[in-house]
Amino acid sequence: ITAMVPPEQAWALVAFLESQGGTVDVTGAD
């Protein structure tokens, strides 16, 4: 997937998946 979307979208996807029952710790620093 990281070859198909820009890095910021990949990290946004990680944040969304973390939010599904977990704690979001992805930040703009990533």
ModelCIF file with pLDDT and N, C-alpha, C, O atoms, coordinates in Angstrom:
data_MODEL
#
_entry.id   MODEL 
#
_entity.id                         1 
_entity.type                       polymer 
_entity.pdbx_number_of_molecules   1 
#
_entity_poly.entity_id                      1 
_entity_poly.type                           'polypeptide(L)' 
_entity_poly.nstd_linkage                   no 
_entity_poly.nstd_monomer                   no 
_entity_poly.pdbx_seq_one_letter_code       ITAMVPPEQAWALVAFLESQGGTVDVTGAD 
_entity_poly.pdbx_seq_one_letter_code_can   ITAMVPPEQAWALVAFLESQGGTVDVTGAD 
_entity_poly.pdbx_strand_id                 A 
#
loop_
_entity_poly_seq.entity_id 
_entity_poly_seq.num 
_entity_poly_seq.mon_id 
_entity_poly_seq.hetero 
1 1  ILE n 
1 2  THR n 
1 3  ALA n 
1 4  MET n 
1 5  VAL n 
1 6  PRO n 
1 7  PRO n 
1 8  GLU n 
1 9  GLN n 
1 10 ALA n 
1 11 TRP n 
1 12 ALA n 
1 13 LEU n 
1 14 VAL n 
1 15 ALA n 
1 16 PHE n 
1 17 LEU n 
1 18 GLU n 
1 19 SER n 
1 20 GLN n 
1 21 GLY n 
1 22 GLY n 
1 23 THR n 
1 24 VAL n 
1 25 ASP n 
1 26 VAL n 
1 27 THR n 
1 28 GLY n 
1 29 ALA n 
1 30 ASP n 
#
_struct_asym.id          A 
_struct_asym.entity_id   1 
#
loop_
_ma_qa_metric.id 
_ma_qa_metric.mode 
_ma_qa_metric.name 
_ma_qa_metric.software_group_id 
_ma_qa_metric.type 
1 global pLDDT . pLDDT 
2 local  pLDDT . pLDDT 
#
_ma_qa_metric_global.metric_id      1 
_ma_qa_metric_global.metric_value   91.27 
_ma_qa_metric_global.model_id       1 
_ma_qa_metric_global.ordinal_id     1 
#
loop_
_ma_qa_metric_local.label_asym_id 
_ma_qa_metric_local.label_comp_id 
_ma_qa_metric_local.label_seq_id 
_ma_qa_metric_local.metric_id 
_ma_qa_metric_local.metric_value 
_ma_qa_metric_local.model_id 
_ma_qa_metric_local.ordinal_id 
A ILE 1  2 84.00 1 1  
A THR 2  2 84.00 1 2  
A ALA 3  2 76.00 1 3  
A MET 4  2 77.00 1 4  
A VAL 5  2 82.00 1 5  
A PRO 6  2 86.00 1 6  
A PRO 7  2 89.00 1 7  
A GLU 8  2 92.00 1 8  
A GLN 9  2 91.00 1 9  
A ALA 10 2 93.00 1 10 
A TRP 11 2 95.00 1 11 
A ALA 12 2 95.00 1 12 
A LEU 13 2 95.00 1 13 
A VAL 14 2 96.00 1 14 
A ALA 15 2 96.00 1 15 
A PHE 16 2 96.00 1 16 
A LEU 17 2 96.00 1 17 
A GLU 18 2 96.00 1 18 
A SER 19 2 96.00 1 19 
A GLN 20 2 95.00 1 20 
A GLY 21 2 94.00 1 21 
A GLY 22 2 95.00 1 22 
A THR 23 2 95.00 1 23 
A VAL 24 2 96.00 1 24 
A ASP 25 2 95.00 1 25 
A VAL 26 2 94.00 1 26 
A THR 27 2 92.00 1 27 
A GLY 28 2 87.00 1 28 
A ALA 29 2 89.00 1 29 
A ASP 30 2 91.00 1 30 
#
loop_
_atom_site.group_PDB 
_atom_site.id 
_atom_site.type_symbol 
_atom_site.label_atom_id 
_atom_site.label_alt_id 
_atom_site.label_comp_id 
_atom_site.label_asym_id 
_atom_site.label_entity_id 
_atom_site.label_seq_id 
_atom_site.pdbx_PDB_ins_code 
_atom_site.Cartn_x 
_atom_site.Cartn_y 
_atom_site.Cartn_z 
_atom_site.occupancy 
_atom_site.B_iso_or_equiv 
_atom_site.pdbx_formal_charge 
_atom_site.auth_seq_id 
_atom_site.auth_comp_id 
_atom_site.auth_asym_id 
_atom_site.auth_atom_id 
_atom_site.pdbx_PDB_model_num 
ATOM 1   N N  . ILE A 1 1  ? 0.813   -1.201 0.000  1.00 84.00 ? 1  ILE A N  1 
ATOM 2   C CA . ILE A 1 1  ? 0.000   0.000  0.000  1.00 84.00 ? 1  ILE A CA 1 
ATOM 3   C C  . ILE A 1 1  ? 0.857   1.266  0.000  1.00 84.00 ? 1  ILE A C  1 
ATOM 4   O O  . ILE A 1 1  ? 0.467   2.274  -0.589 1.00 84.00 ? 1  ILE A O  1 
ATOM 5   N N  . THR A 1 2  ? 2.014   1.225  0.650  1.00 84.00 ? 2  THR A N  1 
ATOM 6   C CA . THR A 1 2  ? 2.863   2.418  0.705  1.00 84.00 ? 2  THR A CA 1 
ATOM 7   C C  . THR A 1 2  ? 3.437   2.783  -0.655 1.00 84.00 ? 2  THR A C  1 
ATOM 8   O O  . THR A 1 2  ? 3.967   3.880  -0.833 1.00 84.00 ? 2  THR A O  1 
ATOM 9   N N  . ALA A 1 3  ? 3.336   1.873  -1.614 1.00 76.00 ? 3  ALA A N  1 
ATOM 10  C CA . ALA A 1 3  ? 3.757   2.191  -2.971 1.00 76.00 ? 3  ALA A CA 1 
ATOM 11  C C  . ALA A 1 3  ? 2.602   2.753  -3.788 1.00 76.00 ? 3  ALA A C  1 
ATOM 12  O O  . ALA A 1 3  ? 2.785   3.181  -4.928 1.00 76.00 ? 3  ALA A O  1 
ATOM 13  N N  . MET A 1 4  ? 1.396   2.747  -3.189 1.00 77.00 ? 4  MET A N  1 
ATOM 14  C CA . MET A 1 4  ? 0.210   3.156  -3.913 1.00 77.00 ? 4  MET A CA 1 
ATOM 15  C C  . MET A 1 4  ? -0.372  4.472  -3.416 1.00 77.00 ? 4  MET A C  1 
ATOM 16  O O  . MET A 1 4  ? -1.112  5.136  -4.142 1.00 77.00 ? 4  MET A O  1 
ATOM 17  N N  . VAL A 1 5  ? -0.044  4.853  -2.185 1.00 82.00 ? 5  VAL A N  1 
ATOM 18  C CA . VAL A 1 5  ? -0.545  6.110  -1.640 1.00 82.00 ? 5  VAL A CA 1 
ATOM 19  C C  . VAL A 1 5  ? 0.617   6.897  -1.053 1.00 82.00 ? 5  VAL A C  1 
ATOM 20  O O  . VAL A 1 5  ? 1.628   6.298  -0.685 1.00 82.00 ? 5  VAL A O  1 
ATOM 21  N N  . PRO A 1 6  ? 0.509   8.220  -0.952 1.00 86.00 ? 6  PRO A N  1 
ATOM 22  C CA . PRO A 1 6  ? 1.570   9.041  -0.353 1.00 86.00 ? 6  PRO A CA 1 
ATOM 23  C C  . PRO A 1 6  ? 1.758   8.690  1.118  1.00 86.00 ? 6  PRO A C  1 
ATOM 24  O O  . PRO A 1 6  ? 0.844   8.148  1.739  1.00 86.00 ? 6  PRO A O  1 
ATOM 25  N N  . PRO A 1 7  ? 2.931   8.988  1.690  1.00 89.00 ? 7  PRO A N  1 
ATOM 26  C CA . PRO A 1 7  ? 3.204   8.651  3.092  1.00 89.00 ? 7  PRO A CA 1 
ATOM 27  C C  . PRO A 1 7  ? 2.167   9.187  4.070  1.00 89.00 ? 7  PRO A C  1 
ATOM 28  O O  . PRO A 1 7  ? 1.785   8.490  5.011  1.00 89.00 ? 7  PRO A O  1 
ATOM 29  N N  . GLU A 1 8  ? 1.703   10.428 3.857  1.00 92.00 ? 8  GLU A N  1 
ATOM 30  C CA . GLU A 1 8  ? 0.748   10.991 4.803  1.00 92.00 ? 8  GLU A CA 1 
ATOM 31  C C  . GLU A 1 8  ? -0.572  10.226 4.804  1.00 92.00 ? 8  GLU A C  1 
ATOM 32  O O  . GLU A 1 8  ? -1.238  10.137 5.836  1.00 92.00 ? 8  GLU A O  1 
ATOM 33  N N  . GLN A 1 9  ? -0.954  9.668  3.640  1.00 91.00 ? 9  GLN A N  1 
ATOM 34  C CA . GLN A 1 9  ? -2.183  8.889  3.589  1.00 91.00 ? 9  GLN A CA 1 
ATOM 35  C C  . GLN A 1 9  ? -1.989  7.523  4.244  1.00 91.00 ? 9  GLN A C  1 
ATOM 36  O O  . GLN A 1 9  ? -2.911  6.988  4.859  1.00 91.00 ? 9  GLN A O  1 
ATOM 37  N N  . ALA A 1 10 ? -0.795  6.966  4.111  1.00 93.00 ? 10 ALA A N  1 
ATOM 38  C CA . ALA A 1 10 ? -0.505  5.692  4.780  1.00 93.00 ? 10 ALA A CA 1 
ATOM 39  C C  . ALA A 1 10 ? -0.591  5.857  6.294  1.00 93.00 ? 10 ALA A C  1 
ATOM 40  O O  . ALA A 1 10 ? -1.166  5.016  6.983  1.00 93.00 ? 10 ALA A O  1 
ATOM 41  N N  . TRP A 1 11 ? -0.012  6.952  6.811  1.00 95.00 ? 11 TRP A N  1 
ATOM 42  C CA . TRP A 1 11 ? -0.061  7.186  8.250  1.00 95.00 ? 11 TRP A CA 1 
ATOM 43  C C  . TRP A 1 11 ? -1.487  7.502  8.706  1.00 95.00 ? 11 TRP A C  1 
ATOM 44  O O  . TRP A 1 11 ? -1.880  7.119  9.808  1.00 95.00 ? 11 TRP A O  1 
ATOM 45  N N  . ALA A 1 12 ? -2.257  8.188  7.881  1.00 95.00 ? 12 ALA A N  1 
ATOM 46  C CA . ALA A 1 12 ? -3.656  8.447  8.215  1.00 95.00 ? 12 ALA A CA 1 
ATOM 47  C C  . ALA A 1 12 ? -4.429  7.138  8.297  1.00 95.00 ? 12 ALA A C  1 
ATOM 48  O O  . ALA A 1 12 ? -5.292  6.971  9.158  1.00 95.00 ? 12 ALA A O  1 
ATOM 49  N N  . LEU A 1 13 ? -4.117  6.217  7.403  1.00 95.00 ? 13 LEU A N  1 
ATOM 50  C CA . LEU A 1 13 ? -4.766  4.908  7.422  1.00 95.00 ? 13 LEU A CA 1 
ATOM 51  C C  . LEU A 1 13 ? -4.421  4.157  8.714  1.00 95.00 ? 13 LEU A C  1 
ATOM 52  O O  . LEU A 1 13 ? -5.285  3.522  9.320  1.00 95.00 ? 13 LEU A O  1 
ATOM 53  N N  . VAL A 1 14 ? -3.157  4.237  9.128  1.00 96.00 ? 14 VAL A N  1 
ATOM 54  C CA . VAL A 1 14 ? -2.759  3.613  10.397 1.00 96.00 ? 14 VAL A CA 1 
ATOM 55  C C  . VAL A 1 14 ? -3.556  4.211  11.551 1.00 96.00 ? 14 VAL A C  1 
ATOM 56  O O  . VAL A 1 14 ? -4.043  3.485  12.417 1.00 96.00 ? 14 VAL A O  1 
ATOM 57  N N  . ALA A 1 15 ? -3.688  5.539  11.562 1.00 96.00 ? 15 ALA A N  1 
ATOM 58  C CA . ALA A 1 15 ? -4.442  6.213  12.628 1.00 96.00 ? 15 ALA A CA 1 
ATOM 59  C C  . ALA A 1 15 ? -5.898  5.746  12.657 1.00 96.00 ? 15 ALA A C  1 
ATOM 60  O O  . ALA A 1 15 ? -6.448  5.490  13.728 1.00 96.00 ? 15 ALA A O  1 
ATOM 61  N N  . PHE A 1 16 ? -6.516  5.637  11.491 1.00 96.00 ? 16 PHE A N  1 
ATOM 62  C CA . PHE A 1 16 ? -7.909  5.188  11.417 1.00 96.00 ? 16 PHE A CA 1 
ATOM 63  C C  . PHE A 1 16 ? -8.047  3.766  11.958 1.00 96.00 ? 16 PHE A C  1 
ATOM 64  O O  . PHE A 1 16 ? -8.978  3.475  12.709 1.00 96.00 ? 16 PHE A O  1 
ATOM 65  N N  . LEU A 1 17 ? -7.128  2.886  11.580 1.00 96.00 ? 17 LEU A N  1 
ATOM 66  C CA . LEU A 1 17 ? -7.199  1.503  12.044 1.00 96.00 ? 17 LEU A CA 1 
ATOM 67  C C  . LEU A 1 17 ? -6.956  1.419  13.554 1.00 96.00 ? 17 LEU A C  1 
ATOM 68  O O  . LEU A 1 17 ? -7.591  0.617  14.239 1.00 96.00 ? 17 LEU A O  1 
ATOM 69  N N  . GLU A 1 18 ? -6.058  2.228  14.065 1.00 96.00 ? 18 GLU A N  1 
ATOM 70  C CA . GLU A 1 18 ? -5.836  2.259  15.513 1.00 96.00 ? 18 GLU A CA 1 
ATOM 71  C C  . GLU A 1 18 ? -7.111  2.688  16.240 1.00 96.00 ? 18 GLU A C  1 
ATOM 72  O O  . GLU A 1 18 ? -7.400  2.196  17.331 1.00 96.00 ? 18 GLU A O  1 
ATOM 73  N N  . SER A 1 19 ? -7.860  3.587  15.648 1.00 96.00 ? 19 SER A N  1 
ATOM 74  C CA . SER A 1 19 ? -9.071  4.110  16.294 1.00 96.00 ? 19 SER A CA 1 
ATOM 75  C C  . SER A 1 19 ? -10.176 3.070  16.404 1.00 96.00 ? 19 SER A C  1 
ATOM 76  O O  . SER A 1 19 ? -11.151 3.277  17.127 1.00 96.00 ? 19 SER A O  1 
ATOM 77  N N  . GLN A 1 20 ? -10.037 1.966  15.701 1.00 95.00 ? 20 GLN A N  1 
ATOM 78  C CA . GLN A 1 20 ? -11.043 0.908  15.756 1.00 95.00 ? 20 GLN A CA 1 
ATOM 79  C C  . GLN A 1 20 ? -10.798 0.021  16.982 1.00 95.00 ? 20 GLN A C  1 
ATOM 80  O O  . GLN A 1 20 ? -10.295 -1.098 16.876 1.00 95.00 ? 20 GLN A O  1 
ATOM 81  N N  . GLY A 1 21 ? -11.167 0.554  18.137 1.00 94.00 ? 21 GLY A N  1 
ATOM 82  C CA . GLY A 1 21 ? -11.041 -0.213 19.370 1.00 94.00 ? 21 GLY A CA 1 
ATOM 83  C C  . GLY A 1 21 ? -9.749  -0.004 20.122 1.00 94.00 ? 21 GLY A C  1 
ATOM 84  O O  . GLY A 1 21 ? -9.518  -0.659 21.139 1.00 94.00 ? 21 GLY A O  1 
ATOM 85  N N  . GLY A 1 22 ? -8.892  0.901  19.647 1.00 95.00 ? 22 GLY A N  1 
ATOM 86  C CA . GLY A 1 22 ? -7.613  1.121  20.299 1.00 95.00 ? 22 GLY A CA 1 
ATOM 87  C C  . GLY A 1 22 ? -7.321  2.594  20.524 1.00 95.00 ? 22 GLY A C  1 
ATOM 88  O O  . GLY A 1 22 ? -8.208  3.440  20.418 1.00 95.00 ? 22 GLY A O  1 
ATOM 89  N N  . THR A 1 23 ? -6.072  2.886  20.835 1.00 95.00 ? 23 THR A N  1 
ATOM 90  C CA . THR A 1 23 ? -5.639  4.254  21.098 1.00 95.00 ? 23 THR A CA 1 
ATOM 91  C C  . THR A 1 23 ? -4.822  4.778  19.938 1.00 95.00 ? 23 THR A C  1 
ATOM 92  O O  . THR A 1 23 ? -3.877  4.122  19.501 1.00 95.00 ? 23 THR A O  1 
ATOM 93  N N  . VAL A 1 24 ? -5.166  5.935  19.439 1.00 96.00 ? 24 VAL A N  1 
ATOM 94  C CA . VAL A 1 24 ? -4.451  6.534  18.301 1.00 96.00 ? 24 VAL A CA 1 
ATOM 95  C C  . VAL A 1 24 ? -3.200  7.249  18.807 1.00 96.00 ? 24 VAL A C  1 
ATOM 96  O O  . VAL A 1 24 ? -3.293  8.200  19.583 1.00 96.00 ? 24 VAL A O  1 
ATOM 97  N N  . ASP A 1 25 ? -2.032  6.788  18.364 1.00 95.00 ? 25 ASP A N  1 
ATOM 98  C CA . ASP A 1 25 ? -0.803  7.473  18.747 1.00 95.00 ? 25 ASP A CA 1 
ATOM 99  C C  . ASP A 1 25 ? -0.014  7.950  17.530 1.00 95.00 ? 25 ASP A C  1 
ATOM 100 O O  . ASP A 1 25 ? 1.140   8.358  17.655 1.00 95.00 ? 25 ASP A O  1 
ATOM 101 N N  . VAL A 1 26 ? -0.644  7.898  16.347 1.00 94.00 ? 26 VAL A N  1 
ATOM 102 C CA . VAL A 1 26 ? -0.042  8.498  15.152 1.00 94.00 ? 26 VAL A CA 1 
ATOM 103 C C  . VAL A 1 26 ? -0.198  10.008 15.267 1.00 94.00 ? 26 VAL A C  1 
ATOM 104 O O  . VAL A 1 26 ? -1.268  10.493 15.634 1.00 94.00 ? 26 VAL A O  1 
ATOM 105 N N  . THR A 1 27 ? 0.845   10.744 14.962 1.00 92.00 ? 27 THR A N  1 
ATOM 106 C CA . THR A 1 27 ? 0.801   12.205 15.019 1.00 92.00 ? 27 THR A CA 1 
ATOM 107 C C  . THR A 1 27 ? 1.376   12.797 13.742 1.00 92.00 ? 27 THR A C  1 
ATOM 108 O O  . THR A 1 27 ? 1.877   12.084 12.873 1.00 92.00 ? 27 THR A O  1 
ATOM 109 N N  . GLY A 1 28 ? 1.292   14.103 13.654 1.00 87.00 ? 28 GLY A N  1 
ATOM 110 C CA . GLY A 1 28 ? 1.884   14.788 12.513 1.00 87.00 ? 28 GLY A CA 1 
ATOM 111 C C  . GLY A 1 28 ? 3.380   14.566 12.427 1.00 87.00 ? 28 GLY A C  1 
ATOM 112 O O  . GLY A 1 28 ? 3.967   14.700 11.353 1.00 87.00 ? 28 GLY A O  1 
ATOM 113 N N  . ALA A 1 29 ? 4.012   14.223 13.560 1.00 89.00 ? 29 ALA A N  1 
ATOM 114 C CA . ALA A 1 29 ? 5.453   13.971 13.567 1.00 89.00 ? 29 ALA A CA 1 
ATOM 115 C C  . ALA A 1 29 ? 5.799   12.766 12.702 1.00 89.00 ? 29 ALA A C  1 
ATOM 116 O O  . ALA A 1 29 ? 6.867   12.732 12.091 1.00 89.00 ? 29 ALA A O  1 
ATOM 117 N N  . ASP A 1 30 ? 4.911   11.778 12.643 1.00 91.00 ? 30 ASP A N  1 
ATOM 118 C CA . ASP A 1 30 ? 5.160   10.609 11.788 1.00 91.00 ? 30 ASP A CA 1 
ATOM 119 C C  . ASP A 1 30 ? 5.176   11.012 10.324 1.00 91.00 ? 30 ASP A C  1 
ATOM 120 O O  . ASP A 1 30 ? 5.371   10.165 9.452  1.00 91.00 ? 30 ASP A O  1 
#
